[in-house]
Structure formats: structure tokens, C-alpha cells
Amino acid sequence: MTEVKKYGDTQRSNDEGKPRYDLLPPGPKRLVGMVANFGVKYGERNYAKEGFVYSRCYASAQRHIEAWWEGEELDPETKLPHLAHAIWNLWILLWYQLTGRYTRNDDRYHVLPIEEPR
């Protein structure tokens, strides 16, 4: 019987500090990819051409989360899970944040910090 090696059980493993994509369950990734496929009807990578106003992605994510919270599992139009739609919207917002792109579309409320009383 062949011994199954565990992650990192090699003599020359240089994986330390690298993302462990193998830890992400494949089902949700596939479903978020299917949501992305559905969005191609609006233009391939349309989120990257001009960018969306941040509130649009945020509002869409919130609507999908709310529909899921109220017991509706699937989006009626796409027949894909509401949570996959919400993750897609949050994924794009995270991409905008990480890349620093489309900051001109950042229409969030920016609350000034409140100073502590002395």
C-alpha cells in the first residue's frame, strides 16, 4: 500500500507562507464562477472596464443576503444561490480595495473618527 503524503511532506517544500487554495472548498468557488459567467451578458469583465460605483456592489450583496436570510435559497433569474451572488459582489469590492482601482467610484460614507472626551 502506498503511503499518502500530507501537505508539505516533501524534502524540498517551499510552500511556507503561500496561499493554501487547497483549503477552499471547490463547490462555492464553482458557484461564484457561474455567477461571473452569468454576468458576461453585461460585457466580459465589465467590473474592470470602468468599475462600478461601490454602493451598487454593496447594495446588490445586501439584497442577496437579505433574500437568503428570508429563506430564499436561489436567485429567481439565475437559479444560482443568493450567497454566491453576494460573494461575487463582495469579491469585486475586495478586488477594488486591493488593487486601488476605481477609487473615483468609492461613494461610501466616510465617517470621521470621534475624539474621546478628555
PDB file of N, CA and C in Angstrom:
ATOM      1  N   MET A   1       0.843  -1.177   0.000  1.00  0.00           N
ATOM      2  CA  MET A   1       0.000   0.000   0.000  1.00  0.00           C
ATOM      3  C   MET A   1       0.893   1.247   0.000  1.00  0.00           C
ATOM      4  N   THR A   2       0.585   2.177  -0.848  1.00  0.00           N
ATOM      5  CA  THR A   2       1.356   3.403  -0.957  1.00  0.00           C
ATOM      6  C   THR A   2       0.960   4.372   0.141  1.00  0.00           C
ATOM      7  N   GLU A   3       1.969   4.953   0.766  1.00  0.00           N
ATOM      8  CA  GLU A   3       1.708   5.932   1.820  1.00  0.00           C
ATOM      9  C   GLU A   3       1.297   7.259   1.194  1.00  0.00           C
ATOM     10  N   VAL A   4       0.230   7.838   1.703  1.00  0.00           N
ATOM     11  CA  VAL A   4      -0.241   9.125   1.204  1.00  0.00           C
ATOM     12  C   VAL A   4       0.519  10.226   1.921  1.00  0.00           C
ATOM     13  N   LYS A   5       1.141  11.079   1.130  1.00  0.00           N
ATOM     14  CA  LYS A   5       1.883  12.188   1.727  1.00  0.00           C
ATOM     15  C   LYS A   5       0.929  13.292   2.132  1.00  0.00           C
ATOM     16  N   LYS A   6       1.266  13.962   3.191  1.00  0.00           N
ATOM     17  CA  LYS A   6       0.495  15.105   3.641  1.00  0.00           C
ATOM     18  C   LYS A   6       1.089  16.358   3.042  1.00  0.00           C
ATOM     19  N   TYR A   7       0.292  17.420   3.037  1.00  0.00           N
ATOM     20  CA  TYR A   7       0.748  18.700   2.504  1.00  0.00           C
ATOM     21  C   TYR A   7       2.051  19.098   3.189  1.00  0.00           C
ATOM     22  N   GLY A   8       3.057  19.396   2.396  1.00  0.00           N
ATOM     23  CA  GLY A   8       4.327  19.855   2.930  1.00  0.00           C
ATOM     24  C   GLY A   8       5.284  18.736   3.317  1.00  0.00           C
ATOM     25  N   ASP A   9       4.913  17.468   3.043  1.00  0.00           N
ATOM     26  CA  ASP A   9       5.766  16.333   3.409  1.00  0.00           C
ATOM     27  C   ASP A   9       6.818  16.033   2.342  1.00  0.00           C
ATOM     28  N   THR A  10       7.404  17.016   1.753  1.00  0.00           N
ATOM     29  CA  THR A  10       8.438  16.763   0.756  1.00  0.00           C
ATOM     30  C   THR A  10       9.764  17.276   1.278  1.00  0.00           C
ATOM     31  N   GLN A  11      10.827  16.735   0.731  1.00  0.00           N
ATOM     32  CA  GLN A  11      12.161  17.156   1.140  1.00  0.00           C
ATOM     33  C   GLN A  11      12.390  18.631   0.822  1.00  0.00           C
ATOM     34  N   ARG A  12      11.851  19.097  -0.300  1.00  0.00           N
ATOM     35  CA  ARG A  12      12.120  20.454  -0.756  1.00  0.00           C
ATOM     36  C   ARG A  12      10.833  21.253  -0.858  1.00  0.00           C
ATOM     37  N   SER A  13      10.165  21.413   0.239  1.00  0.00           N
ATOM     38  CA  SER A  13       8.904  22.153   0.251  1.00  0.00           C
ATOM     39  C   SER A  13       9.175  23.634   0.471  1.00  0.00           C
ATOM     40  N   ASN A  14       8.780  24.431  -0.488  1.00  0.00           N
ATOM     41  CA  ASN A  14       8.917  25.885  -0.382  1.00  0.00           C
ATOM     42  C   ASN A  14       7.530  26.524  -0.310  1.00  0.00           C
ATOM     43  N   ASP A  15       6.611  25.860   0.331  1.00  0.00           N
ATOM     44  CA  ASP A  15       5.229  26.330   0.356  1.00  0.00           C
ATOM     45  C   ASP A  15       4.907  27.208   1.547  1.00  0.00           C
ATOM     46  N   GLU A  16       5.842  27.392   2.442  1.00  0.00           N
ATOM     47  CA  GLU A  16       5.566  28.175   3.647  1.00  0.00           C
ATOM     48  C   GLU A  16       5.189  29.610   3.278  1.00  0.00           C
ATOM     49  N   GLY A  17       4.082  30.074   3.859  1.00  0.00           N
ATOM     50  CA  GLY A  17       3.625  31.430   3.621  1.00  0.00           C
ATOM     51  C   GLY A  17       2.826  31.610   2.339  1.00  0.00           C
ATOM     52  N   LYS A  18       2.683  30.560   1.544  1.00  0.00           N
ATOM     53  CA  LYS A  18       1.923  30.649   0.294  1.00  0.00           C
ATOM     54  C   LYS A  18       0.448  30.360   0.580  1.00  0.00           C
ATOM     55  N   PRO A  19      -0.448  30.954  -0.215  1.00  0.00           N
ATOM     56  CA  PRO A  19      -1.882  30.683  -0.004  1.00  0.00           C
ATOM     57  C   PRO A  19      -2.196  29.200  -0.182  1.00  0.00           C
ATOM     58  N   ARG A  20      -3.030  28.688   0.681  1.00  0.00           N
ATOM     59  CA  ARG A  20      -3.451  27.291   0.626  1.00  0.00           C
ATOM     60  C   ARG A  20      -4.794  27.187  -0.078  1.00  0.00           C
ATOM     61  N   TYR A  21      -4.796  27.304  -1.398  1.00  0.00           N
ATOM     62  CA  TYR A  21      -6.030  27.221  -2.167  1.00  0.00           C
ATOM     63  C   TYR A  21      -6.707  25.868  -2.017  1.00  0.00           C
ATOM     64  N   ASP A  22      -5.920  24.856  -1.668  1.00  0.00           N
ATOM     65  CA  ASP A  22      -6.495  23.525  -1.478  1.00  0.00           C
ATOM     66  C   ASP A  22      -7.428  23.471  -0.275  1.00  0.00           C
ATOM     67  N   LEU A  23      -7.362  24.472   0.597  1.00  0.00           N
ATOM     68  CA  LEU A  23      -8.238  24.508   1.771  1.00  0.00           C
ATOM     69  C   LEU A  23      -9.604  25.105   1.462  1.00  0.00           C
ATOM     70  N   LEU A  24      -9.729  25.763   0.320  1.00  0.00           N
ATOM     71  CA  LEU A  24     -11.024  26.341  -0.066  1.00  0.00           C
ATOM     72  C   LEU A  24     -11.887  25.252  -0.686  1.00  0.00           C
ATOM     73  N   PRO A  25     -13.094  25.069  -0.182  1.00  0.00           N
ATOM     74  CA  PRO A  25     -13.953  24.035  -0.772  1.00  0.00           C
ATOM     75  C   PRO A  25     -14.320  24.404  -2.216  1.00  0.00           C
ATOM     76  N   PRO A  26     -14.283  23.420  -3.118  1.00  0.00           N
ATOM     77  CA  PRO A  26     -14.490  23.720  -4.536  1.00  0.00           C
ATOM     78  C   PRO A  26     -15.908  24.110  -4.914  1.00  0.00           C
ATOM     79  N   GLY A  27     -16.908  23.654  -4.226  1.00  0.00           N
ATOM     80  CA  GLY A  27     -18.292  23.960  -4.605  1.00  0.00           C
ATOM     81  C   GLY A  27     -18.599  25.446  -4.636  1.00  0.00           C
ATOM     82  N   PRO A  28     -18.311  26.180  -3.553  1.00  0.00           N
ATOM     83  CA  PRO A  28     -18.593  27.610  -3.569  1.00  0.00           C
ATOM     84  C   PRO A  28     -17.816  28.369  -4.645  1.00  0.00           C
ATOM     85  N   LYS A  29     -16.542  28.014  -4.856  1.00  0.00           N
ATOM     86  CA  LYS A  29     -15.759  28.687  -5.909  1.00  0.00           C
ATOM     87  C   LYS A  29     -16.415  28.491  -7.269  1.00  0.00           C
ATOM     88  N   ARG A  30     -16.869  27.265  -7.515  1.00  0.00           N
ATOM     89  CA  ARG A  30     -17.514  26.965  -8.798  1.00  0.00           C
ATOM     90  C   ARG A  30     -18.781  27.793  -8.967  1.00  0.00           C
ATOM     91  N   LEU A  31     -19.584  27.899  -7.906  1.00  0.00           N
ATOM     92  CA  LEU A  31     -20.837  28.653  -7.986  1.00  0.00           C
ATOM     93  C   LEU A  31     -20.587  30.152  -8.188  1.00  0.00           C
ATOM     94  N   VAL A  32     -19.570  30.696  -7.527  1.00  0.00           N
ATOM     95  CA  VAL A  32     -19.244  32.105  -7.737  1.00  0.00           C
ATOM     96  C   VAL A  32     -18.764  32.308  -9.176  1.00  0.00           C
ATOM     97  N   GLY A  33     -18.026  31.344  -9.696  1.00  0.00           N
ATOM     98  CA  GLY A  33     -17.628  31.398 -11.105  1.00  0.00           C
ATOM     99  C   GLY A  33     -18.817  31.361 -12.045  1.00  0.00           C
ATOM    100  N   MET A  34     -19.836  30.595 -11.679  1.00  0.00           N
ATOM    101  CA  MET A  34     -21.054  30.545 -12.501  1.00  0.00           C
ATOM    102  C   MET A  34     -21.786  31.886 -12.470  1.00  0.00           C
ATOM    103  N   VAL A  35     -21.771  32.564 -11.324  1.00  0.00           N
ATOM    104  CA  VAL A  35     -22.352  33.913 -11.247  1.00  0.00           C
ATOM    105  C   VAL A  35     -21.578  34.841 -12.173  1.00  0.00           C
ATOM    106  N   ALA A  36     -20.252  34.730 -12.160  1.00  0.00           N
ATOM    107  CA  ALA A  36     -19.426  35.553 -13.056  1.00  0.00           C
ATOM    108  C   ALA A  36     -19.770  35.263 -14.513  1.00  0.00           C
ATOM    109  N   ASN A  37     -19.972  33.991 -14.849  1.00  0.00           N
ATOM    110  CA  ASN A  37     -20.364  33.632 -16.218  1.00  0.00           C
ATOM    111  C   ASN A  37     -21.672  34.303 -16.603  1.00  0.00           C
ATOM    112  N   PHE A  38     -22.617  34.301 -15.684  1.00  0.00           N
ATOM    113  CA  PHE A  38     -23.913  34.919 -15.965  1.00  0.00           C
ATOM    114  C   PHE A  38     -23.745  36.403 -16.269  1.00  0.00           C
ATOM    115  N   GLY A  39     -22.825  37.047 -15.564  1.00  0.00           N
ATOM    116  CA  GLY A  39     -22.610  38.484 -15.746  1.00  0.00           C
ATOM    117  C   GLY A  39     -21.984  38.863 -17.068  1.00  0.00           C
ATOM    118  N   VAL A  40     -21.463  37.892 -17.809  1.00  0.00           N
ATOM    119  CA  VAL A  40     -20.836  38.187 -19.099  1.00  0.00           C
ATOM    120  C   VAL A  40     -21.831  38.822 -20.067  1.00  0.00           C
ATOM    121  N   LYS A  41     -23.119  38.581 -19.858  1.00  0.00           N
ATOM    122  CA  LYS A  41     -24.121  39.187 -20.745  1.00  0.00           C
ATOM    123  C   LYS A  41     -24.065  40.708 -20.694  1.00  0.00           C
ATOM    124  N   TYR A  42     -23.503  41.253 -19.614  1.00  0.00           N
ATOM    125  CA  TYR A  42     -23.346  42.708 -19.484  1.00  0.00           C
ATOM    126  C   TYR A  42     -22.009  43.190 -20.043  1.00  0.00           C
ATOM    127  N   GLY A  43     -21.189  42.256 -20.507  1.00  0.00           N
ATOM    128  CA  GLY A  43     -19.868  42.567 -21.030  1.00  0.00           C
ATOM    129  C   GLY A  43     -18.818  41.829 -20.220  1.00  0.00           C
ATOM    130  N   GLU A  44     -17.908  41.186 -20.925  1.00  0.00           N
ATOM    131  CA  GLU A  44     -16.871  40.431 -20.236  1.00  0.00           C
ATOM    132  C   GLU A  44     -15.993  41.360 -19.405  1.00  0.00           C
ATOM    133  N   ARG A  45     -15.820  41.000 -18.161  1.00  0.00           N
ATOM    134  CA  ARG A  45     -15.028  41.795 -17.202  1.00  0.00           C
ATOM    135  C   ARG A  45     -15.494  43.252 -17.139  1.00  0.00           C
ATOM    136  N   ASN A  46     -16.790  43.444 -17.194  1.00  0.00           N
ATOM    137  CA  ASN A  46     -17.325  44.806 -17.155  1.00  0.00           C
ATOM    138  C   ASN A  46     -16.990  45.503 -15.840  1.00  0.00           C
ATOM    139  N   TYR A  47     -16.797  44.754 -14.780  1.00  0.00           N
ATOM    140  CA  TYR A  47     -16.417  45.345 -13.492  1.00  0.00           C
ATOM    141  C   TYR A  47     -15.035  46.002 -13.564  1.00  0.00           C
ATOM    142  N   ALA A  48     -14.218  45.579 -14.537  1.00  0.00           N
ATOM    143  CA  ALA A  48     -12.847  46.096 -14.637  1.00  0.00           C
ATOM    144  C   ALA A  48     -12.690  47.174 -15.703  1.00  0.00           C
ATOM    145  N   LYS A  49     -13.708  47.398 -16.500  1.00  0.00           N
ATOM    146  CA  LYS A  49     -13.566  48.388 -17.581  1.00  0.00           C
ATOM    147  C   LYS A  49     -13.678  49.806 -17.052  1.00  0.00           C
ATOM    148  N   GLU A  50     -14.774  50.122 -16.455  1.00  0.00           N
ATOM    149  CA  GLU A  50     -14.967  51.440 -15.845  1.00  0.00           C
ATOM    150  C   GLU A  50     -15.138  51.338 -14.347  1.00  0.00           C
ATOM    151  N   GLY A  51     -15.374  50.134 -13.888  1.00  0.00           N
ATOM    152  CA  GLY A  51     -15.632  49.925 -12.472  1.00  0.00           C
ATOM    153  C   GLY A  51     -17.061  50.281 -12.129  1.00  0.00           C
ATOM    154  N   PHE A  52     -17.539  49.710 -11.071  1.00  0.00           N
ATOM    155  CA  PHE A  52     -18.881  50.014 -10.589  1.00  0.00           C
ATOM    156  C   PHE A  52     -18.787  51.006  -9.440  1.00  0.00           C
ATOM    157  N   VAL A  53     -19.836  51.771  -9.265  1.00  0.00           N
ATOM    158  CA  VAL A  53     -19.943  52.578  -8.059  1.00  0.00           C
ATOM    159  C   VAL A  53     -20.022  51.590  -6.900  1.00  0.00           C
ATOM    160  N   TYR A  54     -19.242  51.813  -5.869  1.00  0.00           N
ATOM    161  CA  TYR A  54     -19.152  50.856  -4.763  1.00  0.00           C
ATOM    162  C   TYR A  54     -20.528  50.535  -4.180  1.00  0.00           C
ATOM    163  N   SER A  55     -21.373  51.553  -4.079  1.00  0.00           N
ATOM    164  CA  SER A  55     -22.688  51.327  -3.466  1.00  0.00           C
ATOM    165  C   SER A  55     -23.522  50.340  -4.272  1.00  0.00           C
ATOM    166  N   ARG A  56     -23.283  50.238  -5.564  1.00  0.00           N
ATOM    167  CA  ARG A  56     -24.030  49.287  -6.394  1.00  0.00           C
ATOM    168  C   ARG A  56     -23.696  47.852  -5.994  1.00  0.00           C
ATOM    169  N   CYS A  57     -22.399  47.563  -5.842  1.00  0.00           N
ATOM    170  CA  CYS A  57     -21.989  46.217  -5.416  1.00  0.00           C
ATOM    171  C   CYS A  57     -22.459  45.925  -3.992  1.00  0.00           C
ATOM    172  N   TYR A  58     -22.324  46.918  -3.134  1.00  0.00           N
ATOM    173  CA  TYR A  58     -22.726  46.750  -1.739  1.00  0.00           C
ATOM    174  C   TYR A  58     -24.226  46.477  -1.648  1.00  0.00           C
ATOM    175  N   ALA A  59     -25.018  47.278  -2.361  1.00  0.00           N
ATOM    176  CA  ALA A  59     -26.477  47.112  -2.317  1.00  0.00           C
ATOM    177  C   ALA A  59     -26.891  45.762  -2.882  1.00  0.00           C
ATOM    178  N   SER A  60     -26.255  45.337  -3.958  1.00  0.00           N
ATOM    179  CA  SER A  60     -26.581  44.043  -4.547  1.00  0.00           C
ATOM    180  C   SER A  60     -26.248  42.913  -3.575  1.00  0.00           C
ATOM    181  N   ALA A  61     -25.075  42.987  -2.952  1.00  0.00           N
ATOM    182  CA  ALA A  61     -24.701  41.965  -1.963  1.00  0.00           C
ATOM    183  C   ALA A  61     -25.722  41.926  -0.826  1.00  0.00           C
ATOM    184  N   GLN A  62     -26.123  43.097  -0.348  1.00  0.00           N
ATOM    185  CA  GLN A  62     -27.090  43.165   0.745  1.00  0.00           C
ATOM    186  C   GLN A  62     -28.442  42.573   0.335  1.00  0.00           C
ATOM    187  N   ARG A  63     -28.891  42.862  -0.883  1.00  0.00           N
ATOM    188  CA  ARG A  63     -30.177  42.315  -1.344  1.00  0.00           C
ATOM    189  C   ARG A  63     -30.128  40.790  -1.399  1.00  0.00           C
ATOM    190  N   HIS A  64     -29.018  40.250  -1.903  1.00  0.00           N
ATOM    191  CA  HIS A  64     -28.891  38.792  -1.981  1.00  0.00           C
ATOM    192  C   HIS A  64     -28.809  38.168  -0.597  1.00  0.00           C
ATOM    193  N   ILE A  65     -28.090  38.801   0.316  1.00  0.00           N
ATOM    194  CA  ILE A  65     -28.008  38.286   1.689  1.00  0.00           C
ATOM    195  C   ILE A  65     -29.376  38.350   2.356  1.00  0.00           C
ATOM    196  N   GLU A  66     -30.090  39.446   2.143  1.00  0.00           N
ATOM    197  CA  GLU A  66     -31.423  39.597   2.729  1.00  0.00           C
ATOM    198  C   GLU A  66     -32.388  38.538   2.185  1.00  0.00           C
ATOM    199  N   ALA A  67     -32.350  38.300   0.876  1.00  0.00           N
ATOM    200  CA  ALA A  67     -33.220  37.271   0.289  1.00  0.00           C
ATOM    201  C   ALA A  67     -32.896  35.905   0.880  1.00  0.00           C
ATOM    202  N   TRP A  68     -31.609  35.611   1.032  1.00  0.00           N
ATOM    203  CA  TRP A  68     -31.202  34.343   1.637  1.00  0.00           C
ATOM    204  C   TRP A  68     -31.663  34.272   3.094  1.00  0.00           C
ATOM    205  N   TRP A  69     -31.501  35.376   3.818  1.00  0.00           N
ATOM    206  CA  TRP A  69     -31.882  35.413   5.230  1.00  0.00           C
ATOM    207  C   TRP A  69     -33.373  35.164   5.404  1.00  0.00           C
ATOM    208  N   GLU A  70     -34.156  35.608   4.429  1.00  0.00           N
ATOM    209  CA  GLU A  70     -35.604  35.423   4.487  1.00  0.00           C
ATOM    210  C   GLU A  70     -36.027  34.043   3.974  1.00  0.00           C
ATOM    211  N   GLY A  71     -35.070  33.195   3.655  1.00  0.00           N
ATOM    212  CA  GLY A  71     -35.380  31.818   3.301  1.00  0.00           C
ATOM    213  C   GLY A  71     -35.354  31.480   1.825  1.00  0.00           C
ATOM    214  N   GLU A  72     -35.049  32.437   0.974  1.00  0.00           N
ATOM    215  CA  GLU A  72     -34.989  32.167  -0.466  1.00  0.00           C
ATOM    216  C   GLU A  72     -33.564  31.737  -0.809  1.00  0.00           C
ATOM    217  N   GLU A  73     -33.396  30.503  -1.192  1.00  0.00           N
ATOM    218  CA  GLU A  73     -32.058  29.959  -1.456  1.00  0.00           C
ATOM    219  C   GLU A  73     -31.484  30.425  -2.784  1.00  0.00           C
ATOM    220  N   LEU A  74     -32.326  30.400  -3.839  1.00  0.00           N
ATOM    221  CA  LEU A  74     -31.836  30.651  -5.192  1.00  0.00           C
ATOM    222  C   LEU A  74     -32.367  31.961  -5.755  1.00  0.00           C
ATOM    223  N   ASP A  75     -31.514  32.646  -6.501  1.00  0.00           N
ATOM    224  CA  ASP A  75     -31.926  33.844  -7.224  1.00  0.00           C
ATOM    225  C   ASP A  75     -32.919  33.419  -8.317  1.00  0.00           C
ATOM    226  N   PRO A  76     -34.089  34.045  -8.393  1.00  0.00           N
ATOM    227  CA  PRO A  76     -35.101  33.610  -9.362  1.00  0.00           C
ATOM    228  C   PRO A  76     -34.642  33.716 -10.824  1.00  0.00           C
ATOM    229  N   GLU A  77     -33.805  34.706 -11.124  1.00  0.00           N
ATOM    230  CA  GLU A  77     -33.376  34.900 -12.513  1.00  0.00           C
ATOM    231  C   GLU A  77     -32.318  33.880 -12.931  1.00  0.00           C
ATOM    232  N   THR A  78     -31.302  33.676 -12.101  1.00  0.00           N
ATOM    233  CA  THR A  78     -30.175  32.827 -12.495  1.00  0.00           C
ATOM    234  C   THR A  78     -30.305  31.389 -12.008  1.00  0.00           C
ATOM    235  N   LYS A  79     -31.152  31.169 -11.019  1.00  0.00           N
ATOM    236  CA  LYS A  79     -31.285  29.862 -10.368  1.00  0.00           C
ATOM    237  C   LYS A  79     -29.984  29.454  -9.666  1.00  0.00           C
ATOM    238  N   LEU A  80     -29.159  30.436  -9.332  1.00  0.00           N
ATOM    239  CA  LEU A  80     -27.928  30.216  -8.579  1.00  0.00           C
ATOM    240  C   LEU A  80     -28.134  30.729  -7.158  1.00  0.00           C
ATOM    241  N   PRO A  81     -27.371  30.210  -6.199  1.00  0.00           N
ATOM    242  CA  PRO A  81     -27.560  30.624  -4.811  1.00  0.00           C
ATOM    243  C   PRO A  81     -27.363  32.127  -4.593  1.00  0.00           C
ATOM    244  N   HIS A  82     -28.242  32.707  -3.808  1.00  0.00           N
ATOM    245  CA  HIS A  82     -28.111  34.119  -3.447  1.00  0.00           C
ATOM    246  C   HIS A  82     -26.747  34.397  -2.818  1.00  0.00           C
ATOM    247  N   LEU A  83     -26.269  33.454  -1.999  1.00  0.00           N
ATOM    248  CA  LEU A  83     -24.986  33.685  -1.333  1.00  0.00           C
ATOM    249  C   LEU A  83     -23.838  33.735  -2.333  1.00  0.00           C
ATOM    250  N   ALA A  84     -23.915  32.995  -3.429  1.00  0.00           N
ATOM    251  CA  ALA A  84     -22.881  33.073  -4.473  1.00  0.00           C
ATOM    252  C   ALA A  84     -22.904  34.457  -5.124  1.00  0.00           C
ATOM    253  N   HIS A  85     -24.090  35.001  -5.328  1.00  0.00           N
ATOM    254  CA  HIS A  85     -24.204  36.365  -5.867  1.00  0.00           C
ATOM    255  C   HIS A  85     -23.611  37.378  -4.896  1.00  0.00           C
ATOM    256  N   ALA A  86     -23.913  37.223  -3.611  1.00  0.00           N
ATOM    257  CA  ALA A  86     -23.390  38.149  -2.607  1.00  0.00           C
ATOM    258  C   ALA A  86     -21.864  38.079  -2.563  1.00  0.00           C
ATOM    259  N   ILE A  87     -21.327  36.863  -2.589  1.00  0.00           N
ATOM    260  CA  ILE A  87     -19.870  36.699  -2.564  1.00  0.00           C
ATOM    261  C   ILE A  87     -19.250  37.340  -3.796  1.00  0.00           C
ATOM    262  N   TRP A  88     -19.852  37.177  -4.951  1.00  0.00           N
ATOM    263  CA  TRP A  88     -19.331  37.804  -6.171  1.00  0.00           C
ATOM    264  C   TRP A  88     -19.232  39.321  -5.992  1.00  0.00           C
ATOM    265  N   ASN A  89     -20.274  39.934  -5.493  1.00  0.00           N
ATOM    266  CA  ASN A  89     -20.268  41.381  -5.293  1.00  0.00           C
ATOM    267  C   ASN A  89     -19.184  41.803  -4.298  1.00  0.00           C
ATOM    268  N   LEU A  90     -19.050  41.058  -3.216  1.00  0.00           N
ATOM    269  CA  LEU A  90     -18.024  41.377  -2.222  1.00  0.00           C
ATOM    270  C   LEU A  90     -16.627  41.117  -2.777  1.00  0.00           C
ATOM    271  N   TRP A  91     -16.498  40.103  -3.620  1.00  0.00           N
ATOM    272  CA  TRP A  91     -15.224  39.785  -4.260  1.00  0.00           C
ATOM    273  C   TRP A  91     -14.756  40.978  -5.094  1.00  0.00           C
ATOM    274  N   ILE A  92     -15.673  41.563  -5.850  1.00  0.00           N
ATOM    275  CA  ILE A  92     -15.326  42.714  -6.687  1.00  0.00           C
ATOM    276  C   ILE A  92     -14.935  43.900  -5.812  1.00  0.00           C
ATOM    277  N   LEU A  93     -15.677  44.148  -4.742  1.00  0.00           N
ATOM    278  CA  LEU A  93     -15.306  45.241  -3.832  1.00  0.00           C
ATOM    279  C   LEU A  93     -13.924  45.006  -3.225  1.00  0.00           C
ATOM    280  N   LEU A  94     -13.645  43.769  -2.856  1.00  0.00           N
ATOM    281  CA  LEU A  94     -12.331  43.452  -2.310  1.00  0.00           C
ATOM    282  C   LEU A  94     -11.251  43.658  -3.366  1.00  0.00           C
ATOM    283  N   TRP A  95     -11.531  43.278  -4.597  1.00  0.00           N
ATOM    284  CA  TRP A  95     -10.573  43.473  -5.690  1.00  0.00           C
ATOM    285  C   TRP A  95     -10.296  44.960  -5.889  1.00  0.00           C
ATOM    286  N   TYR A  96     -11.351  45.777  -5.865  1.00  0.00           N
ATOM    287  CA  TYR A  96     -11.157  47.221  -5.977  1.00  0.00           C
ATOM    288  C   TYR A  96     -10.265  47.719  -4.846  1.00  0.00           C
ATOM    289  N   GLN A  97     -10.521  47.258  -3.637  1.00  0.00           N
ATOM    290  CA  GLN A  97      -9.750  47.710  -2.478  1.00  0.00           C
ATOM    291  C   GLN A  97      -8.288  47.278  -2.589  1.00  0.00           C
ATOM    292  N   LEU A  98      -8.053  46.025  -2.953  1.00  0.00           N
ATOM    293  CA  LEU A  98      -6.692  45.503  -3.020  1.00  0.00           C
ATOM    294  C   LEU A  98      -5.876  46.130  -4.137  1.00  0.00           C
ATOM    295  N   THR A  99      -6.518  46.434  -5.248  1.00  0.00           N
ATOM    296  CA  THR A  99      -5.790  46.976  -6.393  1.00  0.00           C
ATOM    297  C   THR A  99      -5.732  48.493  -6.387  1.00  0.00           C
ATOM    298  N   GLY A 100      -6.588  49.130  -5.574  1.00  0.00           N
ATOM    299  CA  GLY A 100      -6.627  50.592  -5.570  1.00  0.00           C
ATOM    300  C   GLY A 100      -7.266  51.166  -6.822  1.00  0.00           C
ATOM    301  N   ARG A 101      -7.945  50.315  -7.574  1.00  0.00           N
ATOM    302  CA  ARG A 101      -8.602  50.768  -8.806  1.00  0.00           C
ATOM    303  C   ARG A 101      -9.966  51.380  -8.499  1.00  0.00           C
ATOM    304  N   TYR A 102     -10.350  52.278  -9.337  1.00  0.00           N
ATOM    305  CA  TYR A 102     -11.691  52.860  -9.313  1.00  0.00           C
ATOM    306  C   TYR A 102     -12.020  53.547  -7.994  1.00  0.00           C
ATOM    307  N   THR A 103     -11.021  54.142  -7.372  1.00  0.00           N
ATOM    308  CA  THR A 103     -11.297  54.881  -6.137  1.00  0.00           C
ATOM    309  C   THR A 103     -12.238  56.049  -6.414  1.00  0.00           C
ATOM    310  N   ARG A 104     -12.281  56.501  -7.666  1.00  0.00           N
ATOM    311  CA  ARG A 104     -13.230  57.574  -8.020  1.00  0.00           C
ATOM    312  C   ARG A 104     -14.674  57.111  -7.877  1.00  0.00           C
ATOM    313  N   ASN A 105     -14.892  55.793  -7.853  1.00  0.00           N
ATOM    314  CA  ASN A 105     -16.232  55.227  -7.700  1.00  0.00           C
ATOM    315  C   ASN A 105     -16.570  54.911  -6.243  1.00  0.00           C
ATOM    316  N   ASP A 106     -15.665  55.247  -5.343  1.00  0.00           N
ATOM    317  CA  ASP A 106     -15.869  54.955  -3.922  1.00  0.00           C
ATOM    318  C   ASP A 106     -16.829  55.987  -3.340  1.00  0.00           C
ATOM    319  N   ASP A 107     -18.088  55.592  -3.245  1.00  0.00           N
ATOM    320  CA  ASP A 107     -19.121  56.511  -2.739  1.00  0.00           C
ATOM    321  C   ASP A 107     -19.595  56.105  -1.342  1.00  0.00           C
ATOM    322  N   ARG A 108     -18.729  55.405  -0.606  1.00  0.00           N
ATOM    323  CA  ARG A 108     -19.081  55.028   0.767  1.00  0.00           C
ATOM    324  C   ARG A 108     -19.184  56.274   1.635  1.00  0.00           C
ATOM    325  N   TYR A 109     -19.926  56.124   2.712  1.00  0.00           N
ATOM    326  CA  TYR A 109     -19.939  57.158   3.738  1.00  0.00           C
ATOM    327  C   TYR A 109     -18.620  57.046   4.475  1.00  0.00           C
ATOM    328  N   HIS A 110     -17.900  58.127   4.534  1.00  0.00           N
ATOM    329  CA  HIS A 110     -16.635  58.133   5.271  1.00  0.00           C
ATOM    330  C   HIS A 110     -16.859  58.922   6.550  1.00  0.00           C
ATOM    331  N   VAL A 111     -17.040  58.202   7.617  1.00  0.00           N
ATOM    332  CA  VAL A 111     -17.326  58.817   8.902  1.00  0.00           C
ATOM    333  C   VAL A 111     -16.007  59.239   9.538  1.00  0.00           C
ATOM    334  N   LEU A 112     -15.968  60.476   9.972  1.00  0.00           N
ATOM    335  CA  LEU A 112     -14.767  60.964  10.645  1.00  0.00           C
ATOM    336  C   LEU A 112     -14.691  60.356  12.035  1.00  0.00           C
ATOM    337  N   PRO A 113     -13.491  60.042  12.486  1.00  0.00           N
ATOM    338  CA  PRO A 113     -13.376  59.459  13.821  1.00  0.00           C
ATOM    339  C   PRO A 113     -13.811  60.465  14.892  1.00  0.00           C
ATOM    340  N   ILE A 114     -14.443  59.960  15.911  1.00  0.00           N
ATOM    341  CA  ILE A 114     -14.894  60.784  17.025  1.00  0.00           C
ATOM    342  C   ILE A 114     -13.817  60.793  18.087  1.00  0.00           C
ATOM    343  N   GLU A 115     -13.417  61.958  18.494  1.00  0.00           N
ATOM    344  CA  GLU A 115     -12.384  62.046  19.519  1.00  0.00           C
ATOM    345  C   GLU A 115     -12.982  61.712  20.874  1.00  0.00           C
ATOM    346  N   GLU A 116     -12.200  61.024  21.661  1.00  0.00           N
ATOM    347  CA  GLU A 116     -12.594  60.682  23.023  1.00  0.00           C
ATOM    348  C   GLU A 116     -12.631  61.949  23.879  1.00  0.00           C
ATOM    349  N   PRO A 117     -13.620  62.085  24.751  1.00  0.00           N
ATOM    350  CA  PRO A 117     -13.641  63.245  25.653  1.00  0.00           C
ATOM    351  C   PRO A 117     -12.448  63.193  26.605  1.00  0.00           C
ATOM    352  N   ARG A 118     -11.959  64.357  26.958  1.00  0.00           N
ATOM    353  CA  ARG A 118     -10.801  64.410  27.864  1.00  0.00           C
ATOM    354  C   ARG A 118     -11.212  64.576  29.272  1.00  0.00           C
TER     355      ARG A 118
END
